Amino acid sequence: MFEARAVGDPTIVSCPGLGEGWQKIEARYDGTLTIPADERRLSARFSLELLLDRSTGIGTAQGTWRLTEPPEPDIVARGELHAVVGATEPPDPELELHGLVSGRIDPPDPDMPAKQLLGNFAASLDEAASFPHLKGSVGDPSAPASTPAALLPSVKC
């Protein structure tokens, strides 16, 4: 599970070339990713760019993510994400992101090989007050929106 808060205000610009009502939203989020099985809590940073049609509430998101293990500032995992975005109904509008994360994870034991991550994720962005809160899950088939993931060794077969 992950949860993060916006760092500053997002940059929101109109994209009239895509049609009336389209916006590009760029935002950065800092927070935590919790791995219950390992009892680990990692610092997480997400950078997102959303293209959203305000008239339909549908769009796309892409971005990057990285994890560090406090108190060390070294990055232990990083990657990309790609998602479809849909808006929920008022009165509590949220943007729901459903997509794919990929990346590389360096295990805590330096003698172990790095692993590749490929997984589904689900997240929501609270639309009130300019998207201040990002929360969701990766690799959790028991989550409300099933989000399985696979960690594979980075070695060739």
Protein backbone atom coordinates (compact mmCIF):
# COMPACT_ATOMS: atom_id res chain seq x y z
CA MET A 1 0.00 0.00 0.00
CA PHE A 2 1.18 3.52 -0.66
CA GLU A 3 0.05 6.91 0.47
CA ALA A 4 1.54 10.26 -0.45
CA ARG A 5 0.85 13.98 -0.22
CA ALA A 6 1.41 16.58 -2.90
CA VAL A 7 4.64 18.54 -2.80
CA GLY A 8 3.48 22.06 -3.61
CA ASP A 9 0.66 22.82 -5.99
CA PRO A 10 0.27 20.94 -9.27
CA THR A 11 0.88 22.66 -12.57
CA ILE A 12 -2.40 22.70 -14.53
CA VAL A 13 -2.53 23.98 -18.11
CA SER A 14 -5.21 23.83 -20.79
CA CYS A 15 -4.53 21.70 -23.87
CA PRO A 16 -6.84 23.19 -26.53
CA GLY A 17 -5.03 21.20 -29.23
CA LEU A 18 -6.62 18.04 -27.77
CA GLY A 19 -10.07 19.61 -27.63
CA GLU A 20 -12.12 21.79 -25.35
CA GLY A 21 -11.87 20.79 -21.69
CA TRP A 22 -8.53 18.98 -21.90
CA GLN A 23 -5.91 19.72 -19.26
CA LYS A 24 -2.38 18.62 -18.48
CA ILE A 25 -1.75 18.22 -14.76
CA GLU A 26 1.79 17.75 -13.45
CA ALA A 27 2.33 16.94 -9.78
CA ARG A 28 4.83 15.37 -7.40
CA TYR A 29 3.94 13.34 -4.31
CA ASP A 30 6.05 12.24 -1.33
CA GLY A 31 4.94 9.60 1.12
CA THR A 32 5.40 5.98 2.11
CA LEU A 33 5.04 2.51 0.66
CA THR A 34 4.40 -0.23 3.19
CA ILE A 35 5.35 -3.87 2.59
CA PRO A 36 3.40 -5.76 5.28
CA ALA A 37 5.00 -9.17 4.61
CA ASP A 38 8.49 -7.76 5.24
CA GLU A 39 7.37 -5.22 7.85
CA ARG A 40 9.15 -2.55 5.79
CA ARG A 41 8.15 1.07 5.36
CA LEU A 42 9.90 2.86 2.52
CA SER A 43 9.88 6.51 1.53
CA ALA A 44 8.17 6.97 -1.84
CA ARG A 45 8.20 9.72 -4.45
CA PHE A 46 5.82 9.82 -7.41
CA SER A 47 5.99 12.27 -10.31
CA LEU A 48 2.84 12.26 -12.44
CA GLU A 49 1.65 13.84 -15.67
CA LEU A 50 -2.06 13.46 -16.36
CA LEU A 51 -3.91 14.34 -19.56
CA LEU A 52 -7.54 14.71 -18.56
CA ASP A 53 -10.69 15.57 -20.48
CA ARG A 54 -12.70 17.52 -17.90
CA SER A 55 -15.91 17.10 -19.90
CA THR A 56 -15.78 13.27 -19.67
CA GLY A 57 -13.52 12.74 -16.66
CA ILE A 58 -11.37 10.33 -18.68
CA GLY A 59 -7.68 10.54 -19.47
CA THR A 60 -4.25 9.00 -19.06
CA ALA A 61 -1.39 9.25 -16.60
CA GLN A 62 2.28 8.50 -16.85
CA GLY A 63 5.11 9.07 -14.48
CA THR A 64 7.98 7.79 -12.42
CA TRP A 65 8.36 6.41 -8.92
CA ARG A 66 11.27 5.79 -6.61
CA LEU A 67 11.74 4.29 -3.17
CA THR A 68 14.34 4.94 -0.48
CA GLU A 69 14.79 3.18 2.83
CA PRO A 70 15.15 5.63 5.70
CA PRO A 71 17.43 6.82 7.10
CA GLU A 72 19.60 6.17 4.01
CA PRO A 73 19.02 8.48 1.04
CA ASP A 74 20.02 5.78 -1.47
CA ILE A 75 17.37 4.77 -3.98
CA VAL A 76 16.45 1.09 -3.50
CA ALA A 77 13.86 0.90 -6.29
CA ARG A 78 12.72 2.99 -9.24
CA GLY A 79 10.54 2.72 -12.28
CA GLU A 80 7.69 3.99 -14.40
CA LEU A 81 3.93 3.89 -14.33
CA HIS A 82 1.25 4.18 -17.00
CA ALA A 83 -2.46 4.36 -16.26
CA VAL A 84 -5.97 5.03 -17.47
CA VAL A 85 -7.68 7.79 -15.48
CA GLY A 86 -11.38 8.03 -14.72
CA ALA A 87 -13.31 10.43 -12.51
CA THR A 88 -15.77 9.22 -9.88
CA GLU A 89 -19.14 10.85 -9.45
CA PRO A 90 -19.76 13.91 -7.26
CA PRO A 91 -20.23 14.85 -4.43
CA ASP A 92 -16.76 13.50 -3.55
CA PRO A 93 -14.93 13.51 -6.87
CA GLU A 94 -11.72 11.52 -7.14
CA LEU A 95 -9.61 10.54 -10.06
CA GLU A 96 -9.04 6.79 -10.19
CA LEU A 97 -5.86 5.51 -11.80
CA HIS A 98 -5.65 1.90 -13.00
CA GLY A 99 -2.49 0.83 -14.71
CA LEU A 100 0.90 -0.78 -14.83
CA VAL A 101 4.09 -0.21 -12.84
CA SER A 102 7.47 -1.49 -13.90
CA GLY A 103 10.92 -1.04 -12.50
CA ARG A 104 13.98 -2.37 -10.73
CA ILE A 105 14.23 -3.28 -7.06
CA ASP A 106 17.56 -3.67 -5.29
CA PRO A 107 17.21 -6.13 -2.38
CA PRO A 108 18.45 -5.15 1.10
CA ASP A 109 21.07 -7.93 0.95
CA PRO A 110 23.83 -6.74 -1.46
CA ASP A 111 24.69 -10.38 -2.26
CA MET A 112 21.25 -10.94 -3.79
CA PRO A 113 20.57 -9.98 -7.41
CA ALA A 114 18.29 -7.07 -8.28
CA LYS A 115 14.72 -7.88 -9.26
CA GLN A 116 12.44 -6.59 -11.97
CA LEU A 117 8.93 -5.49 -10.98
CA LEU A 118 5.94 -5.72 -13.26
CA GLY A 119 2.54 -5.21 -11.71
CA ASN A 120 -0.89 -3.73 -11.81
CA PHE A 121 -1.71 -0.83 -9.55
CA ALA A 122 -4.75 1.10 -8.50
CA ALA A 123 -4.71 4.55 -6.95
CA SER A 124 -6.94 7.51 -6.32
CA LEU A 125 -6.27 11.22 -6.38
CA ASP A 126 -8.53 13.42 -4.30
CA GLU A 127 -9.70 16.10 -6.72
CA ALA A 128 -10.68 18.58 -4.01
CA ALA A 129 -8.09 21.30 -3.37
CA SER A 130 -5.96 20.49 -6.41
CA PHE A 131 -5.13 16.80 -5.96
CA PRO A 132 -3.41 16.86 -2.55
CA HIS A 133 -3.50 13.13 -1.78
CA LEU A 134 -2.43 10.01 -3.69
CA LYS A 135 -3.14 6.56 -2.25
CA GLY A 136 -3.29 3.05 -3.65
CA SER A 137 -1.78 -0.40 -3.87
CA VAL A 138 0.64 -2.47 -5.94
CA GLY A 139 1.04 -6.23 -5.73
CA ASP A 140 -1.95 -6.73 -3.44
CA PRO A 141 -4.48 -9.20 -4.89
CA SER A 142 -6.69 -8.71 -1.81
CA ALA A 143 -7.03 -4.94 -2.44
CA PRO A 144 -10.46 -3.68 -3.54
CA ALA A 145 -9.18 -3.35 -7.11
CA SER A 146 -7.04 -6.48 -7.56
CA THR A 147 -3.45 -5.38 -8.13
CA PRO A 148 -1.21 -8.42 -8.55
CA ALA A 149 2.49 -7.98 -9.29
CA ALA A 150 5.50 -10.16 -10.04
CA LEU A 151 9.07 -9.74 -8.83
CA LEU A 152 11.48 -11.57 -11.06
CA PRO A 153 15.26 -11.99 -10.81
CA SER A 154 17.16 -9.73 -13.19
CA VAL A 155 19.28 -12.62 -14.42
CA LYS A 156 18.71 -14.27 -17.78
CA CYS A 157 17.41 -17.82 -17.98
